[in-house]
PDB file of N, CA and C in Angstrom:
ATOM      1  N   UNK A   1       0.837  -1.176   0.000  1.00  0.00           N
ATOM      2  CA  UNK A   1       0.000   0.000   0.000  1.00  0.00           C
ATOM      3  C   UNK A   1       0.880   1.237   0.000  1.00  0.00           C
ATOM      4  N   UNK A   2       0.616   2.149  -0.879  1.00  0.00           N
ATOM      5  CA  UNK A   2       1.386   3.371  -1.020  1.00  0.00           C
ATOM      6  C   UNK A   2       1.168   4.256   0.190  1.00  0.00           C
ATOM      7  N   UNK A   3       2.245   4.755   0.816  1.00  0.00           N
ATOM      8  CA  UNK A   3       2.074   5.627   1.972  1.00  0.00           C
ATOM      9  C   UNK A   3       1.489   6.967   1.572  1.00  0.00           C
ATOM     10  N   UNK A   4       0.932   7.644   2.558  1.00  0.00           N
ATOM     11  CA  UNK A   4       0.395   8.982   2.305  1.00  0.00           C
ATOM     12  C   UNK A   4       1.554   9.919   1.984  1.00  0.00           C
ATOM     13  N   UNK A   5       1.343  10.872   1.098  1.00  0.00           N
ATOM     14  CA  UNK A   5       2.424  11.786   0.736  1.00  0.00           C
ATOM     15  C   UNK A   5       2.837  12.664   1.903  1.00  0.00           C
ATOM     16  N   UNK A   6       4.071  13.109   1.862  1.00  0.00           N
ATOM     17  CA  UNK A   6       4.587  14.024   2.869  1.00  0.00           C
ATOM     18  C   UNK A   6       4.197  15.429   2.449  1.00  0.00           C
ATOM     19  N   UNK A   7       3.519  16.154   3.314  1.00  0.00           N
ATOM     20  CA  UNK A   7       3.125  17.512   2.925  1.00  0.00           C
ATOM     21  C   UNK A   7       4.319  18.462   2.906  1.00  0.00           C
ATOM     22  N   UNK A   8       4.217  19.501   2.072  1.00  0.00           N
ATOM     23  CA  UNK A   8       5.197  20.583   2.017  1.00  0.00           C
ATOM     24  C   UNK A   8       6.628  20.125   1.798  1.00  0.00           C
ATOM     25  N   UNK A   9       6.847  19.217   0.869  1.00  0.00           N
ATOM     26  CA  UNK A   9       8.215  18.795   0.558  1.00  0.00           C
ATOM     27  C   UNK A   9       8.702  19.566  -0.662  1.00  0.00           C
ATOM     28  N   UNK A  10       9.942  20.037  -0.603  1.00  0.00           N
ATOM     29  CA  UNK A  10      10.541  20.758  -1.724  1.00  0.00           C
ATOM     30  C   UNK A  10      11.394  19.849  -2.581  1.00  0.00           C
ATOM     31  N   UNK A  11      11.405  18.577  -2.256  1.00  0.00           N
ATOM     32  CA  UNK A  11      12.267  17.614  -2.929  1.00  0.00           C
ATOM     33  C   UNK A  11      11.770  17.331  -4.343  1.00  0.00           C
ATOM     34  N   UNK A  12      12.696  17.251  -5.292  1.00  0.00           N
ATOM     35  CA  UNK A  12      12.356  16.854  -6.652  1.00  0.00           C
ATOM     36  C   UNK A  12      12.276  15.337  -6.693  1.00  0.00           C
ATOM     37  N   UNK A  13      11.134  14.752  -7.000  1.00  0.00           N
ATOM     38  CA  UNK A  13      11.008  13.300  -6.988  1.00  0.00           C
ATOM     39  C   UNK A  13      11.681  12.644  -8.187  1.00  0.00           C
ATOM     40  N   UNK A  14      12.243  11.450  -7.956  1.00  0.00           N
ATOM     41  CA  UNK A  14      12.788  10.643  -9.051  1.00  0.00           C
ATOM     42  C   UNK A  14      11.649   9.989  -9.821  1.00  0.00           C
ATOM     43  N   UNK A  15      10.654   9.580  -9.110  1.00  0.00           N
ATOM     44  CA  UNK A  15       9.485   8.939  -9.687  1.00  0.00           C
ATOM     45  C   UNK A  15       8.339   9.204  -8.749  1.00  0.00           C
ATOM     46  N   UNK A  16       7.142   9.133  -9.254  1.00  0.00           N
ATOM     47  CA  UNK A  16       5.994   9.393  -8.414  1.00  0.00           C
ATOM     48  C   UNK A  16       4.948   8.336  -8.646  1.00  0.00           C
ATOM     49  N   UNK A  17       4.106   8.164  -7.658  1.00  0.00           N
ATOM     50  CA  UNK A  17       3.019   7.215  -7.756  1.00  0.00           C
ATOM     51  C   UNK A  17       1.803   7.814  -7.086  1.00  0.00           C
ATOM     52  N   UNK A  18       0.642   7.480  -7.574  1.00  0.00           N
ATOM     53  CA  UNK A  18      -0.582   8.004  -7.002  1.00  0.00           C
ATOM     54  C   UNK A  18      -0.896   7.294  -5.697  1.00  0.00           C
ATOM     55  N   UNK A  19      -1.119   8.049  -4.641  1.00  0.00           N
ATOM     56  CA  UNK A  19      -1.582   7.499  -3.374  1.00  0.00           C
ATOM     57  C   UNK A  19      -3.083   7.284  -3.472  1.00  0.00           C
ATOM     58  N   UNK A  20      -3.645   6.610  -2.500  1.00  0.00           N
ATOM     59  CA  UNK A  20      -5.075   6.315  -2.533  1.00  0.00           C
ATOM     60  C   UNK A  20      -5.933   7.570  -2.577  1.00  0.00           C
ATOM     61  N   UNK A  21      -5.430   8.663  -2.017  1.00  0.00           N
ATOM     62  CA  UNK A  21      -6.215   9.902  -2.007  1.00  0.00           C
ATOM     63  C   UNK A  21      -5.980  10.748  -3.261  1.00  0.00           C
ATOM     64  N   UNK A  22      -5.235  10.203  -4.241  1.00  0.00           N
ATOM     65  CA  UNK A  22      -5.010  10.891  -5.501  1.00  0.00           C
ATOM     66  C   UNK A  22      -3.758  11.744  -5.539  1.00  0.00           C
ATOM     67  N   UNK A  23      -3.102  11.955  -4.389  1.00  0.00           N
ATOM     68  CA  UNK A  23      -1.861  12.728  -4.381  1.00  0.00           C
ATOM     69  C   UNK A  23      -0.706  11.831  -4.806  1.00  0.00           C
ATOM     70  N   UNK A  24       0.387  12.450  -5.237  1.00  0.00           N
ATOM     71  CA  UNK A  24       1.537  11.677  -5.698  1.00  0.00           C
ATOM     72  C   UNK A  24       2.590  11.560  -4.607  1.00  0.00           C
ATOM     73  N   UNK A  25       3.214  10.381  -4.543  1.00  0.00           N
ATOM     74  CA  UNK A  25       4.309  10.124  -3.601  1.00  0.00           C
ATOM     75  C   UNK A  25       5.582   9.939  -4.411  1.00  0.00           C
ATOM     76  N   UNK A  26       6.691  10.407  -3.867  1.00  0.00           N
ATOM     77  CA  UNK A  26       7.969  10.289  -4.561  1.00  0.00           C
ATOM     78  C   UNK A  26       8.621   8.951  -4.226  1.00  0.00           C
ATOM     79  N   UNK A  27       9.125   8.279  -5.262  1.00  0.00           N
ATOM     80  CA  UNK A  27       9.878   7.043  -5.094  1.00  0.00           C
ATOM     81  C   UNK A  27      11.338   7.420  -4.902  1.00  0.00           C
ATOM     82  N   UNK A  28      11.935   6.985  -3.795  1.00  0.00           N
ATOM     83  CA  UNK A  28      13.355   7.242  -3.556  1.00  0.00           C
ATOM     84  C   UNK A  28      14.198   6.288  -4.374  1.00  0.00           C
ATOM     85  N   UNK A  29      13.908   4.988  -4.264  1.00  0.00           N
ATOM     86  CA  UNK A  29      14.610   3.994  -5.059  1.00  0.00           C
ATOM     87  C   UNK A  29      13.881   2.672  -5.040  1.00  0.00           C
ATOM     88  N   UNK A  30      14.252   1.824  -5.986  1.00  0.00           N
ATOM     89  CA  UNK A  30      13.737   0.467  -6.058  1.00  0.00           C
ATOM     90  C   UNK A  30      14.763  -0.445  -5.417  1.00  0.00           C
ATOM     91  N   UNK A  31      14.304  -1.327  -4.533  1.00  0.00           N
ATOM     92  CA  UNK A  31      15.205  -2.154  -3.741  1.00  0.00           C
ATOM     93  C   UNK A  31      15.328  -3.587  -4.222  1.00  0.00           C
ATOM     94  N   UNK A  32      14.248  -4.131  -4.769  1.00  0.00           N
ATOM     95  CA  UNK A  32      14.235  -5.541  -5.146  1.00  0.00           C
ATOM     96  C   UNK A  32      13.131  -5.754  -6.170  1.00  0.00           C
ATOM     97  N   UNK A  33      13.094  -6.947  -6.727  1.00  0.00           N
ATOM     98  CA  UNK A  33      12.060  -7.309  -7.686  1.00  0.00           C
ATOM     99  C   UNK A  33      11.608  -8.737  -7.409  1.00  0.00           C
ATOM    100  N   UNK A  34      10.369  -9.025  -7.780  1.00  0.00           N
ATOM    101  CA  UNK A  34       9.822 -10.375  -7.639  1.00  0.00           C
ATOM    102  C   UNK A  34       8.710 -10.549  -8.659  1.00  0.00           C
ATOM    103  N   UNK A  35       8.304 -11.800  -8.838  1.00  0.00           N
ATOM    104  CA  UNK A  35       7.164 -12.085  -9.696  1.00  0.00           C
ATOM    105  C   UNK A  35       6.051 -12.617  -8.808  1.00  0.00           C
ATOM    106  N   UNK A  36       4.909 -11.974  -8.853  1.00  0.00           N
ATOM    107  CA  UNK A  36       3.771 -12.325  -8.010  1.00  0.00           C
ATOM    108  C   UNK A  36       2.537 -12.488  -8.884  1.00  0.00           C
ATOM    109  N   UNK A  37       2.038 -13.702  -8.984  1.00  0.00           N
ATOM    110  CA  UNK A  37       0.855 -13.946  -9.802  1.00  0.00           C
ATOM    111  C   UNK A  37       1.073 -13.628 -11.266  1.00  0.00           C
ATOM    112  N   UNK A  38       2.290 -13.829 -11.759  1.00  0.00           N
ATOM    113  CA  UNK A  38       2.602 -13.559 -13.152  1.00  0.00           C
ATOM    114  C   UNK A  38       2.944 -12.110 -13.444  1.00  0.00           C
ATOM    115  N   UNK A  39       2.868 -11.240 -12.435  1.00  0.00           N
ATOM    116  CA  UNK A  39       3.182  -9.820 -12.621  1.00  0.00           C
ATOM    117  C   UNK A  39       4.519  -9.498 -11.950  1.00  0.00           C
ATOM    118  N   UNK A  40       5.303  -8.645 -12.593  1.00  0.00           N
ATOM    119  CA  UNK A  40       6.559  -8.190 -12.011  1.00  0.00           C
ATOM    120  C   UNK A  40       6.241  -7.086 -11.006  1.00  0.00           C
ATOM    121  N   UNK A  41       6.850  -7.195  -9.819  1.00  0.00           N
ATOM    122  CA  UNK A  41       6.676  -6.181  -8.790  1.00  0.00           C
ATOM    123  C   UNK A  41       8.039  -5.701  -8.321  1.00  0.00           C
ATOM    124  N   UNK A  42       8.077  -4.454  -7.855  1.00  0.00           N
ATOM    125  CA  UNK A  42       9.297  -3.858  -7.327  1.00  0.00           C
ATOM    126  C   UNK A  42       9.061  -3.425  -5.889  1.00  0.00           C
ATOM    127  N   UNK A  43      10.079  -3.643  -5.051  1.00  0.00           N
ATOM    128  CA  UNK A  43      10.027  -3.174  -3.675  1.00  0.00           C
ATOM    129  C   UNK A  43      10.460  -1.712  -3.678  1.00  0.00           C
ATOM    130  N   UNK A  44       9.566  -0.838  -3.268  1.00  0.00           N
ATOM    131  CA  UNK A  44       9.764   0.601  -3.373  1.00  0.00           C
ATOM    132  C   UNK A  44      10.116   1.198  -2.019  1.00  0.00           C
ATOM    133  N   UNK A  45      11.177   2.027  -1.982  1.00  0.00           N
ATOM    134  CA  UNK A  45      11.493   2.873  -0.829  1.00  0.00           C
ATOM    135  C   UNK A  45      10.944   4.246  -1.165  1.00  0.00           C
ATOM    136  N   UNK A  46      10.042   4.734  -0.331  1.00  0.00           N
ATOM    137  CA  UNK A  46       9.394   6.019  -0.554  1.00  0.00           C
ATOM    138  C   UNK A  46      10.234   7.148   0.016  1.00  0.00           C
ATOM    139  N   UNK A  47      10.375   8.187  -0.730  1.00  0.00           N
ATOM    140  CA  UNK A  47      11.171   9.338  -0.321  1.00  0.00           C
ATOM    141  C   UNK A  47      10.581   9.936   0.958  1.00  0.00           C
ATOM    142  N   UNK A  48      11.452  10.071   1.975  1.00  0.00           N
ATOM    143  CA  UNK A  48      11.016  10.647   3.237  1.00  0.00           C
ATOM    144  C   UNK A  48      10.463   9.638   4.218  1.00  0.00           C
ATOM    145  N   UNK A  49      10.442   8.365   3.851  1.00  0.00           N
ATOM    146  CA  UNK A  49       9.916   7.305   4.705  1.00  0.00           C
ATOM    147  C   UNK A  49      11.013   6.294   5.030  1.00  0.00           C
ATOM    148  N   UNK A  50      10.807   5.523   6.075  1.00  0.00           N
ATOM    149  CA  UNK A  50      11.767   4.506   6.479  1.00  0.00           C
ATOM    150  C   UNK A  50      11.447   3.180   5.803  1.00  0.00           C
ATOM    151  N   UNK A  51      12.324   2.206   6.019  1.00  0.00           N
ATOM    152  CA  UNK A  51      12.121   0.878   5.428  1.00  0.00           C
ATOM    153  C   UNK A  51      10.834   0.223   5.919  1.00  0.00           C
ATOM    154  N   UNK A  52      10.328   0.646   7.046  1.00  0.00           N
ATOM    155  CA  UNK A  52       9.063   0.105   7.552  1.00  0.00           C
ATOM    156  C   UNK A  52       7.900   0.418   6.611  1.00  0.00           C
ATOM    157  N   UNK A  53       8.068   1.423   5.764  1.00  0.00           N
ATOM    158  CA  UNK A  53       7.016   1.825   4.830  1.00  0.00           C
ATOM    159  C   UNK A  53       7.260   1.321   3.398  1.00  0.00           C
ATOM    160  N   UNK A  54       8.328   0.533   3.193  1.00  0.00           N
ATOM    161  CA  UNK A  54       8.590  -0.025   1.858  1.00  0.00           C
ATOM    162  C   UNK A  54       7.402  -0.896   1.449  1.00  0.00           C
ATOM    163  N   UNK A  55       7.046  -0.825   0.169  1.00  0.00           N
ATOM    164  CA  UNK A  55       5.916  -1.619  -0.329  1.00  0.00           C
ATOM    165  C   UNK A  55       6.261  -2.247  -1.668  1.00  0.00           C
ATOM    166  N   UNK A  56       5.614  -3.367  -1.951  1.00  0.00           N
ATOM    167  CA  UNK A  56       5.727  -4.013  -3.258  1.00  0.00           C
ATOM    168  C   UNK A  56       4.699  -3.377  -4.176  1.00  0.00           C
ATOM    169  N   UNK A  57       5.139  -2.906  -5.325  1.00  0.00           N
ATOM    170  CA  UNK A  57       4.259  -2.250  -6.300  1.00  0.00           C
ATOM    171  C   UNK A  57       4.409  -2.922  -7.654  1.00  0.00           C
ATOM    172  N   UNK A  58       3.280  -3.071  -8.364  1.00  0.00           N
ATOM    173  CA  UNK A  58       3.316  -3.636  -9.706  1.00  0.00           C
ATOM    174  C   UNK A  58       4.138  -2.754 -10.635  1.00  0.00           C
ATOM    175  N   UNK A  59       4.797  -3.394 -11.594  1.00  0.00           N
ATOM    176  CA  UNK A  59       5.634  -2.671 -12.556  1.00  0.00           C
ATOM    177  C   UNK A  59       4.870  -1.533 -13.219  1.00  0.00           C
ATOM    178  N   UNK A  60       3.634  -1.764 -13.594  1.00  0.00           N
ATOM    179  CA  UNK A  60       2.834  -0.746 -14.269  1.00  0.00           C
ATOM    180  C   UNK A  60       2.488   0.446 -13.396  1.00  0.00           C
ATOM    181  N   UNK A  61       2.619   0.287 -12.083  1.00  0.00           N
ATOM    182  CA  UNK A  61       2.299   1.379 -11.168  1.00  0.00           C
ATOM    183  C   UNK A  61       3.468   2.336 -10.974  1.00  0.00           C
ATOM    184  N   UNK A  62       4.668   1.920 -11.398  1.00  0.00           N
ATOM    185  CA  UNK A  62       5.842   2.786 -11.260  1.00  0.00           C
ATOM    186  C   UNK A  62       5.841   3.746 -12.441  1.00  0.00           C
ATOM    187  N   UNK A  63       5.595   4.998 -12.173  1.00  0.00           N
ATOM    188  CA  UNK A  63       5.452   5.985 -13.242  1.00  0.00           C
ATOM    189  C   UNK A  63       6.777   6.218 -13.959  1.00  0.00           C
ATOM    190  N   UNK A  64       7.877   6.264 -13.214  1.00  0.00           N
ATOM    191  CA  UNK A  64       9.173   6.548 -13.813  1.00  0.00           C
ATOM    192  C   UNK A  64       9.815   5.269 -14.355  1.00  0.00           C
ATOM    193  N   UNK A  65       9.732   5.083 -15.646  1.00  0.00           N
ATOM    194  CA  UNK A  65      10.362   3.917 -16.272  1.00  0.00           C
ATOM    195  C   UNK A  65      11.886   4.020 -16.176  1.00  0.00           C
ATOM    196  N   UNK A  66      12.395   5.247 -16.008  1.00  0.00           N
ATOM    197  CA  UNK A  66      13.835   5.454 -15.836  1.00  0.00           C
ATOM    198  C   UNK A  66      14.319   4.772 -14.545  1.00  0.00           C
ATOM    199  N   UNK A  67      13.522   4.817 -13.493  1.00  0.00           N
ATOM    200  CA  UNK A  67      13.881   4.126 -12.243  1.00  0.00           C
ATOM    201  C   UNK A  67      14.011   2.624 -12.466  1.00  0.00           C
ATOM    202  N   UNK A  68      13.090   2.065 -13.223  1.00  0.00           N
ATOM    203  CA  UNK A  68      13.131   0.631 -13.504  1.00  0.00           C
ATOM    204  C   UNK A  68      14.374   0.296 -14.319  1.00  0.00           C
ATOM    205  N   UNK A  69      14.672   1.108 -15.338  1.00  0.00           N
ATOM    206  CA  UNK A  69      15.848   0.888 -16.176  1.00  0.00           C
ATOM    207  C   UNK A  69      17.123   0.955 -15.341  1.00  0.00           C
ATOM    208  N   UNK A  70      17.239   1.955 -14.474  1.00  0.00           N
ATOM    209  CA  UNK A  70      18.415   2.093 -13.613  1.00  0.00           C
ATOM    210  C   UNK A  70      18.547   0.905 -12.663  1.00  0.00           C
ATOM    211  N   UNK A  71      17.426   0.456 -12.096  1.00  0.00           N
ATOM    212  CA  UNK A  71      17.447  -0.683 -11.182  1.00  0.00           C
ATOM    213  C   UNK A  71      17.923  -1.940 -11.903  1.00  0.00           C
ATOM    214  N   UNK A  72      17.368  -2.206 -13.082  1.00  0.00           N
ATOM    215  CA  UNK A  72      17.740  -3.410 -13.847  1.00  0.00           C
ATOM    216  C   UNK A  72      19.212  -3.342 -14.266  1.00  0.00           C
ATOM    217  N   UNK A  73      19.690  -2.168 -14.645  1.00  0.00           N
ATOM    218  CA  UNK A  73      21.090  -1.996 -15.034  1.00  0.00           C
ATOM    219  C   UNK A  73      22.005  -2.288 -13.839  1.00  0.00           C
ATOM    220  N   UNK A  74      21.690  -1.759 -12.674  1.00  0.00           N
ATOM    221  CA  UNK A  74      22.497  -1.991 -11.466  1.00  0.00           C
ATOM    222  C   UNK A  74      22.465  -3.461 -11.068  1.00  0.00           C
ATOM    223  N   UNK A  75      21.319  -4.099 -11.230  1.00  0.00           N
ATOM    224  CA  UNK A  75      21.177  -5.522 -10.894  1.00  0.00           C
ATOM    225  C   UNK A  75      22.069  -6.385 -11.802  1.00  0.00           C
ATOM    226  N   UNK A  76      22.099  -6.061 -13.096  1.00  0.00           N
ATOM    227  CA  UNK A  76      22.963  -6.807 -14.030  1.00  0.00           C
ATOM    228  C   UNK A  76      24.428  -6.585 -13.696  1.00  0.00           C
ATOM    229  N   UNK A  77      24.783  -5.353 -13.330  1.00  0.00           N
ATOM    230  CA  UNK A  77      26.166  -5.030 -12.984  1.00  0.00           C
ATOM    231  C   UNK A  77      26.616  -5.811 -11.743  1.00  0.00           C
ATOM    232  N   UNK A  78      25.735  -5.921 -10.741  1.00  0.00           N
ATOM    233  CA  UNK A  78      26.052  -6.662  -9.524  1.00  0.00           C
ATOM    234  C   UNK A  78      26.257  -8.146  -9.810  1.00  0.00           C
ATOM    235  N   UNK A  79      25.598  -8.666 -10.829  1.00  0.00           N
ATOM    236  CA  UNK A  79      25.699 -10.088 -11.157  1.00  0.00           C
ATOM    237  C   UNK A  79      27.034 -10.446 -11.800  1.00  0.00           C
ATOM    238  N   UNK A  80      27.773  -9.446 -12.275  1.00  0.00           N
ATOM    239  CA  UNK A  80      29.064  -9.719 -12.937  1.00  0.00           C
ATOM    240  C   UNK A  80      30.124 -10.113 -11.973  1.00  0.00           C
TER     241      UNK A  80
END
């Protein structure tokens, strides 16, 4: 579940996602990936939140495709 957005933040988000109330939350980084029910999901660290608020989000819910590309590139590099 996407956490509620932090009010009055001046931070430029890397990626954003719609919270349940329609506001956007900034994605700090993607931590991991898994396949759940045939769908690819990413473990999201939300900007301004701790690891206790990390959530698994479907690939299609991550607005910034650049974040996904960077995560996959770093994952391939670590495998070398």
